N, C-alpha and C. Protein backbone atom coordinates (compact mmCIF):
# COMPACT_ATOMS: atom_id res chain seq x y z
N MET A 1 233.91 81.14 370.36
CA MET A 1 232.61 82.00 370.61
C MET A 1 232.34 82.38 369.02
N ARG A 2 233.26 82.62 368.30
CA ARG A 2 232.87 82.97 366.99
C ARG A 2 232.16 81.90 366.11
N LYS A 3 232.70 80.56 366.33
CA LYS A 3 232.03 79.68 365.48
C LYS A 3 230.64 79.46 366.17
N ILE A 4 230.23 79.61 367.33
CA ILE A 4 229.03 79.54 367.53
C ILE A 4 228.04 80.83 366.94
N ILE A 5 228.60 81.94 366.81
CA ILE A 5 227.87 82.84 366.00
C ILE A 5 227.89 82.47 364.64
N GLN A 6 228.88 81.97 363.90
CA GLN A 6 228.79 81.54 362.68
C GLN A 6 227.79 80.33 362.37
N ALA A 7 227.57 79.64 363.11
CA ALA A 7 226.84 78.51 363.12
C ALA A 7 225.36 78.75 363.21
N ARG A 8 225.01 80.31 363.96
CA ARG A 8 223.79 80.77 363.93
C ARG A 8 223.33 81.69 363.02
N SER A 9 224.47 81.99 362.16
CA SER A 9 224.13 82.93 361.01
C SER A 9 223.09 82.50 359.88
N PRO A 10 222.13 83.31 359.43
CA PRO A 10 221.22 82.94 358.42
C PRO A 10 221.74 82.04 357.31
N GLN A 11 222.70 82.37 356.72
CA GLN A 11 223.55 81.38 355.80
C GLN A 11 223.62 79.97 356.23
N PHE A 12 224.29 79.89 357.37
CA PHE A 12 224.57 78.54 357.83
C PHE A 12 223.06 77.96 358.23
N ARG A 13 222.11 78.40 358.56
CA ARG A 13 220.61 77.79 358.74
C ARG A 13 220.21 77.48 357.32
N ARG A 14 220.52 78.65 356.29
CA ARG A 14 219.85 78.24 355.12
C ARG A 14 220.65 76.83 354.46
N LEU A 15 221.72 76.71 354.60
CA LEU A 15 222.56 75.58 354.07
C LEU A 15 222.16 74.28 354.93
N ALA A 16 221.80 74.27 356.21
CA ALA A 16 221.38 73.16 357.09
C ALA A 16 219.87 72.77 356.39
N ALA A 17 219.17 73.90 356.24
CA ALA A 17 217.57 73.67 355.68
C ALA A 17 218.02 72.81 354.20
N LEU A 18 218.81 73.44 353.49
CA LEU A 18 219.08 73.04 351.99
C LEU A 18 219.51 71.43 352.28
N PHE A 19 220.40 71.06 353.26
CA PHE A 19 220.61 69.70 353.29
C PHE A 19 219.55 68.75 353.73
N LEU A 20 218.54 69.36 354.86
CA LEU A 20 217.50 68.67 355.19
C LEU A 20 216.47 68.43 354.07
N VAL A 21 216.29 69.36 353.23
CA VAL A 21 215.45 69.50 352.12
C VAL A 21 215.98 68.26 351.26
N ILE A 22 217.07 68.19 351.04
CA ILE A 22 217.68 67.17 349.89
C ILE A 22 217.35 65.75 350.44
N VAL A 23 217.81 65.68 351.68
CA VAL A 23 217.49 64.34 352.45
C VAL A 23 215.90 64.11 352.51
N LEU A 24 215.30 64.73 352.81
CA LEU A 24 213.71 64.53 352.84
C LEU A 24 213.28 64.13 351.52
N GLY A 25 213.75 64.76 350.38
CA GLY A 25 213.31 64.68 349.13
C GLY A 25 213.73 62.90 348.62
N LEU A 26 215.05 62.94 348.87
CA LEU A 26 215.57 61.55 348.72
C LEU A 26 214.89 60.38 349.40
N VAL A 27 214.60 60.65 350.55
CA VAL A 27 213.85 59.57 351.51
C VAL A 27 212.71 59.45 350.95
N LEU A 28 211.83 60.50 350.57
CA LEU A 28 210.43 60.58 350.06
C LEU A 28 210.63 59.71 348.81
N ARG A 29 211.33 60.02 347.85
CA ARG A 29 211.50 59.23 346.46
C ARG A 29 211.82 57.87 346.76
N ARG A 30 212.76 57.34 347.67
CA ARG A 30 213.20 56.00 347.76
C ARG A 30 212.20 55.30 348.62
N PHE A 31 211.61 55.87 349.64
CA PHE A 31 210.86 54.87 350.60
C PHE A 31 209.24 55.50 350.68
N GLY A 32 209.09 56.53 349.95
CA GLY A 32 207.64 56.91 349.90
C GLY A 32 206.76 55.89 349.55
N TYR A 33 206.86 54.98 348.57
CA TYR A 33 205.88 53.96 348.11
C TYR A 33 205.87 52.91 349.11
N ALA A 34 207.15 52.47 349.62
CA ALA A 34 207.23 51.28 350.62
C ALA A 34 206.41 51.85 352.03
N ALA A 35 206.28 53.04 352.33
CA ALA A 35 205.91 53.49 353.46
C ALA A 35 204.25 53.52 353.09
N ASP A 36 203.74 53.34 351.97
CA ASP A 36 202.27 53.32 351.56
C ASP A 36 201.89 54.61 351.55
N LEU A 37 202.64 55.55 351.25
CA LEU A 37 202.35 56.93 351.07
C LEU A 37 201.48 57.05 349.77
N PRO A 38 200.54 57.93 349.40
CA PRO A 38 199.86 57.80 348.26
C PRO A 38 200.63 58.40 347.12
N PHE A 39 200.55 57.98 345.84
CA PHE A 39 201.08 58.49 344.73
C PHE A 39 201.42 60.07 344.81
N ILE A 40 200.25 60.85 345.06
CA ILE A 40 200.34 62.42 344.92
C ILE A 40 201.33 62.71 345.97
N VAL A 41 201.36 62.31 347.28
CA VAL A 41 202.41 62.55 348.10
C VAL A 41 203.75 62.54 347.61
N VAL A 42 204.10 61.20 347.14
CA VAL A 42 205.40 60.98 346.75
C VAL A 42 205.90 61.73 345.61
N LYS A 43 204.90 61.71 344.76
CA LYS A 43 205.39 62.45 343.46
C LYS A 43 205.47 64.02 343.50
N TYR A 44 204.39 64.50 344.16
CA TYR A 44 204.25 66.07 344.00
C TYR A 44 205.02 66.53 345.28
N GLY A 45 204.97 65.79 346.41
CA GLY A 45 205.79 66.26 347.56
C GLY A 45 207.27 66.21 347.27
N GLY A 46 207.97 65.33 346.40
CA GLY A 46 209.21 65.28 346.07
C GLY A 46 209.44 66.79 345.04
N SER A 47 208.36 66.99 344.20
CA SER A 47 208.57 68.34 343.51
C SER A 47 208.39 69.50 344.33
N ALA A 48 207.66 69.39 345.31
CA ALA A 48 207.57 70.61 346.15
C ALA A 48 208.81 70.88 346.94
N LEU A 49 209.70 69.62 347.43
CA LEU A 49 210.86 69.66 347.82
C LEU A 49 211.87 70.12 347.10
N TRP A 50 211.77 69.78 345.92
CA TRP A 50 213.20 70.23 344.62
C TRP A 50 212.70 71.46 344.47
N GLY A 51 211.51 72.20 344.55
CA GLY A 51 211.32 73.58 344.40
C GLY A 51 211.85 74.52 345.60
N ALA A 52 211.52 73.65 346.92
CA ALA A 52 212.34 74.29 347.97
C ALA A 52 213.77 74.45 347.95
N MET A 53 214.26 73.10 347.39
CA MET A 53 215.67 73.20 347.01
C MET A 53 216.42 74.30 346.26
N VAL A 54 215.60 74.55 345.30
CA VAL A 54 216.01 75.58 344.35
C VAL A 54 215.87 76.82 345.20
N TYR A 55 214.82 77.24 345.85
CA TYR A 55 214.75 78.55 346.52
C TYR A 55 215.87 78.70 347.47
N LEU A 56 216.54 77.60 348.22
CA LEU A 56 217.37 77.86 349.19
C LEU A 56 218.92 77.92 348.64
N LEU A 57 219.01 77.09 347.30
CA LEU A 57 220.13 77.42 346.61
C LEU A 57 220.37 78.85 346.08
N VAL A 58 219.15 79.35 345.63
CA VAL A 58 219.32 80.54 345.13
C VAL A 58 219.68 81.60 346.20
N ALA A 59 218.85 81.35 347.46
CA ALA A 59 219.44 82.30 348.44
C ALA A 59 220.86 82.17 348.91
N LEU A 60 221.35 81.00 348.97
CA LEU A 60 222.72 80.92 349.24
C LEU A 60 223.53 81.70 348.37
N PHE A 61 223.28 82.01 347.08
CA PHE A 61 223.93 82.74 346.36
C PHE A 61 223.64 84.35 346.39
N VAL A 62 222.52 84.68 346.57
CA VAL A 62 222.02 85.95 346.57
C VAL A 62 221.37 86.37 347.98
N ALA A 63 222.42 86.29 349.16
CA ALA A 63 222.03 86.28 350.37
C ALA A 63 221.27 87.62 350.64
N ARG A 64 221.70 88.50 350.17
CA ARG A 64 221.33 89.83 350.63
C ARG A 64 219.99 90.24 349.83
N SER A 65 219.34 89.28 349.07
CA SER A 65 218.21 89.88 348.29
C SER A 65 217.05 89.89 349.24
N ARG A 66 215.98 90.07 348.89
CA ARG A 66 214.77 90.25 349.56
C ARG A 66 214.20 88.63 349.18
N PRO A 67 213.46 88.21 350.19
CA PRO A 67 212.82 86.85 349.94
C PRO A 67 211.75 86.77 348.65
N ALA A 68 211.21 87.70 348.56
CA ALA A 68 210.28 87.72 347.47
C ALA A 68 211.17 87.74 346.02
N ALA A 69 212.20 88.50 346.05
CA ALA A 69 213.00 88.39 344.80
C ALA A 69 213.83 87.14 344.39
N ILE A 70 214.12 86.26 345.84
CA ILE A 70 214.74 85.00 345.70
C ILE A 70 213.59 84.03 345.37
N ALA A 71 212.43 84.10 345.72
CA ALA A 71 211.48 83.21 345.34
C ALA A 71 210.95 83.43 343.64
N VAL A 72 210.96 84.66 343.32
CA VAL A 72 210.77 84.85 341.82
C VAL A 72 211.78 84.08 340.98
N THR A 73 213.22 84.61 341.39
CA THR A 73 214.19 84.03 340.86
C THR A 73 214.05 82.32 340.60
N ALA A 74 213.76 81.71 341.94
CA ALA A 74 213.82 80.23 342.18
C ALA A 74 212.68 79.77 341.21
N LEU A 75 211.53 80.43 341.45
CA LEU A 75 210.27 80.02 340.31
C LEU A 75 210.92 80.01 338.95
N PHE A 76 211.52 81.21 338.55
CA PHE A 76 211.77 81.04 337.05
C PHE A 76 212.73 79.98 336.92
N ILE A 77 213.79 79.70 337.43
CA ILE A 77 214.70 78.60 337.33
C ILE A 77 213.93 77.08 337.20
N ALA A 78 212.88 77.09 338.17
CA ALA A 78 212.29 75.82 338.46
C ALA A 78 211.50 75.57 337.10
N ILE A 79 210.96 76.61 336.63
CA ILE A 79 209.77 76.42 335.34
C ILE A 79 210.65 76.42 334.13
N SER A 80 211.87 77.03 333.90
CA SER A 80 212.75 76.80 333.07
C SER A 80 213.14 75.31 332.92
N VAL A 81 213.45 74.78 334.32
CA VAL A 81 214.05 73.37 334.10
C VAL A 81 212.68 72.58 333.59
N GLU A 82 211.57 72.64 334.09
CA GLU A 82 210.40 71.94 333.73
C GLU A 82 210.34 72.34 332.05
N LEU A 83 210.38 73.19 331.55
CA LEU A 83 210.14 73.49 330.08
C LEU A 83 211.21 72.94 329.37
N PHE A 84 212.67 72.47 330.10
CA PHE A 84 213.66 72.02 329.13
C PHE A 84 213.09 70.57 328.91
N ARG A 85 212.31 69.93 329.74
CA ARG A 85 211.99 68.68 329.52
C ARG A 85 211.25 68.38 328.01
N LEU A 86 210.81 69.57 327.46
CA LEU A 86 210.19 69.39 326.32
C LEU A 86 211.39 69.52 325.05
N TYR A 87 212.57 69.64 325.39
CA TYR A 87 213.84 69.78 324.61
C TYR A 87 214.36 68.20 324.65
N HIS A 88 214.38 67.53 323.48
CA HIS A 88 215.13 66.46 323.51
C HIS A 88 216.22 66.15 322.59
N THR A 89 217.35 65.34 322.91
CA THR A 89 218.54 64.97 322.06
C THR A 89 218.79 63.60 322.73
N PRO A 90 219.42 62.84 321.89
CA PRO A 90 219.96 61.32 322.43
C PRO A 90 220.57 61.67 323.68
N TRP A 91 221.72 62.55 323.85
CA TRP A 91 222.55 62.52 325.02
C TRP A 91 221.77 62.95 326.36
N LEU A 92 221.05 63.88 325.92
CA LEU A 92 220.15 64.56 327.07
C LEU A 92 219.06 63.37 327.58
N ASP A 93 218.60 62.70 326.51
CA ASP A 93 217.65 61.76 327.08
C ASP A 93 218.29 60.59 327.79
N ALA A 94 219.60 60.36 327.33
CA ALA A 94 220.27 59.10 328.01
C ALA A 94 220.55 59.70 329.39
N PHE A 95 220.93 60.84 329.56
CA PHE A 95 221.32 61.56 331.01
C PHE A 95 219.81 61.41 331.72
N ARG A 96 218.88 61.69 331.21
CA ARG A 96 217.57 61.86 331.96
C ARG A 96 217.21 60.43 332.47
N LEU A 97 217.67 59.22 331.72
CA LEU A 97 217.44 57.96 332.12
C LEU A 97 218.33 57.58 333.47
N THR A 98 219.29 58.16 333.70
CA THR A 98 220.05 58.05 334.96
C THR A 98 219.41 58.54 336.23
N THR A 99 219.86 58.00 337.33
CA THR A 99 219.28 58.34 338.59
C THR A 99 219.55 60.14 338.80
N ALA A 100 220.76 60.77 338.42
CA ALA A 100 221.11 61.80 338.69
C ALA A 100 220.52 62.81 337.69
N GLY A 101 220.16 62.32 336.47
CA GLY A 101 219.45 62.99 335.47
C GLY A 101 217.88 63.12 335.88
N ALA A 102 217.45 62.12 336.24
CA ALA A 102 215.96 62.00 336.84
C ALA A 102 215.82 62.99 338.16
N LEU A 103 216.44 62.97 339.02
CA LEU A 103 216.48 63.47 340.12
C LEU A 103 216.76 65.32 339.74
N LEU A 104 217.76 65.55 338.89
CA LEU A 104 218.18 66.96 338.68
C LEU A 104 217.29 67.57 337.47
N LEU A 105 216.91 66.94 336.48
CA LEU A 105 216.24 67.28 335.21
C LEU A 105 214.80 66.86 335.27
N GLY A 106 214.54 65.63 335.88
CA GLY A 106 213.30 64.94 335.70
C GLY A 106 213.20 64.28 334.17
N ARG A 107 211.95 63.39 334.02
CA ARG A 107 212.03 62.87 332.78
C ARG A 107 210.77 63.21 332.00
N VAL A 108 209.60 63.65 332.48
CA VAL A 108 208.58 63.80 331.91
C VAL A 108 208.05 65.23 332.23
N TYR A 109 207.67 66.19 331.20
CA TYR A 109 207.11 67.38 331.38
C TYR A 109 205.45 67.30 332.04
N SER A 110 205.38 68.24 333.03
CA SER A 110 204.02 68.25 333.82
C SER A 110 203.81 69.59 334.29
N LEU A 111 202.62 70.20 333.82
CA LEU A 111 202.19 71.39 334.41
C LEU A 111 201.88 71.07 335.90
N TRP A 112 201.57 69.90 336.54
CA TRP A 112 201.37 69.95 337.90
C TRP A 112 202.75 69.97 338.45
N ASN A 113 203.70 69.61 338.04
CA ASN A 113 205.01 69.81 338.63
C ASN A 113 205.24 71.39 338.94
N MET A 114 205.03 72.10 337.97
CA MET A 114 205.25 73.58 338.18
C MET A 114 204.43 74.08 339.23
N LEU A 115 202.96 73.62 339.49
CA LEU A 115 202.34 74.03 340.59
C LEU A 115 203.07 73.63 341.94
N ALA A 116 203.61 72.26 341.90
CA ALA A 116 204.06 71.64 343.07
C ALA A 116 205.42 72.67 343.47
N TYR A 117 206.17 72.90 342.17
CA TYR A 117 207.42 73.77 342.65
C TYR A 117 207.16 75.07 343.27
N ALA A 118 206.01 75.85 342.64
CA ALA A 118 205.54 76.98 343.28
C ALA A 118 205.27 76.84 344.80
N ILE A 119 204.55 75.62 345.19
CA ILE A 119 204.19 75.57 346.53
C ILE A 119 205.54 75.43 347.28
N GLY A 120 206.43 74.45 346.84
CA GLY A 120 207.66 74.36 347.52
C GLY A 120 208.24 75.54 347.76
N ILE A 121 208.37 76.44 346.82
CA ILE A 121 209.03 77.58 346.81
C ILE A 121 208.58 78.62 347.83
N ALA A 122 206.98 78.78 347.92
CA ALA A 122 206.55 79.53 348.68
C ALA A 122 206.63 79.24 349.90
N ALA A 123 206.83 77.65 350.53
CA ALA A 123 206.99 77.31 351.86
C ALA A 123 208.26 77.62 352.28
N ALA A 124 209.32 77.39 351.33
CA ALA A 124 210.66 78.06 351.67
C ALA A 124 210.75 79.25 351.90
N CYS A 125 209.93 80.06 351.33
CA CYS A 125 210.24 81.60 351.48
C CYS A 125 209.42 81.81 352.60
N ALA A 126 208.40 81.27 353.03
CA ALA A 126 207.74 81.38 354.35
C ALA A 126 208.69 81.16 355.42
N PHE A 127 209.29 80.01 355.34
CA PHE A 127 210.08 79.41 356.42
C PHE A 127 211.68 79.81 356.32
N ASP A 128 211.93 80.76 355.37
CA ASP A 128 213.55 80.80 355.25
C ASP A 128 214.01 81.50 356.59
N PRO A 129 214.90 80.58 356.97
CA PRO A 129 215.65 80.84 358.26
C PRO A 129 216.29 82.32 358.18
N ALA A 130 216.60 83.03 357.10
CA ALA A 130 217.28 84.34 356.94
C ALA A 130 215.99 85.48 356.38
N ARG A 131 214.83 84.83 356.71
CA ARG A 131 213.86 86.01 356.25
C ARG A 131 213.63 87.21 357.15
N ARG A 132 213.72 86.95 358.40
CA ARG A 132 213.73 88.34 359.51
C ARG A 132 214.74 88.94 359.16
N THR A 133 215.96 88.48 358.93
CA THR A 133 217.11 89.23 358.73
C THR A 133 216.96 90.20 357.49
N ALA A 134 216.53 89.52 356.51
CA ALA A 134 216.45 90.22 355.21
C ALA A 134 215.21 91.39 354.99
N LEU A 135 214.30 91.05 356.12
CA LEU A 135 213.16 92.08 356.15
C LEU A 135 213.57 93.34 356.84
N ARG A 136 214.76 93.22 357.62
CA ARG A 136 214.92 94.23 358.66
C ARG A 136 215.57 95.37 357.61
N PRO A 137 215.00 96.83 358.08
CA PRO A 137 215.37 97.86 357.22
C PRO A 137 216.84 98.06 357.39
N ARG A 138 217.49 98.45 356.15
CA ARG A 138 218.72 98.74 355.98
C ARG A 138 219.06 100.12 356.33
């Protein structure tokens, strides 16, 4: 019985949502063009999912924080990573050319990515599995 309760916990649901978002992002990037999805959906849909992933990761670490505080923290991290793309060193540029580097850090700076991150973070915040729990009075 205890395992059932744990599986229904907000943190378990956040973890499940995180894995779902990661899988959706990878599938979108891998098969989006093959499925004839428009460039904007593949490129910025992946960025929005990346923003949602950052929100869910932050939410896993600061579980008792309010969703708005989690969203602000996630947006700060996402924008910081985007701005980090303006910094170049040979080893960092070499890492960005790998699949892991492209997925984690990206390759090219874009203001549009920041908008997509904000949309993904807002969506993740709105649909946060722990949102009702976090908003209850303490």
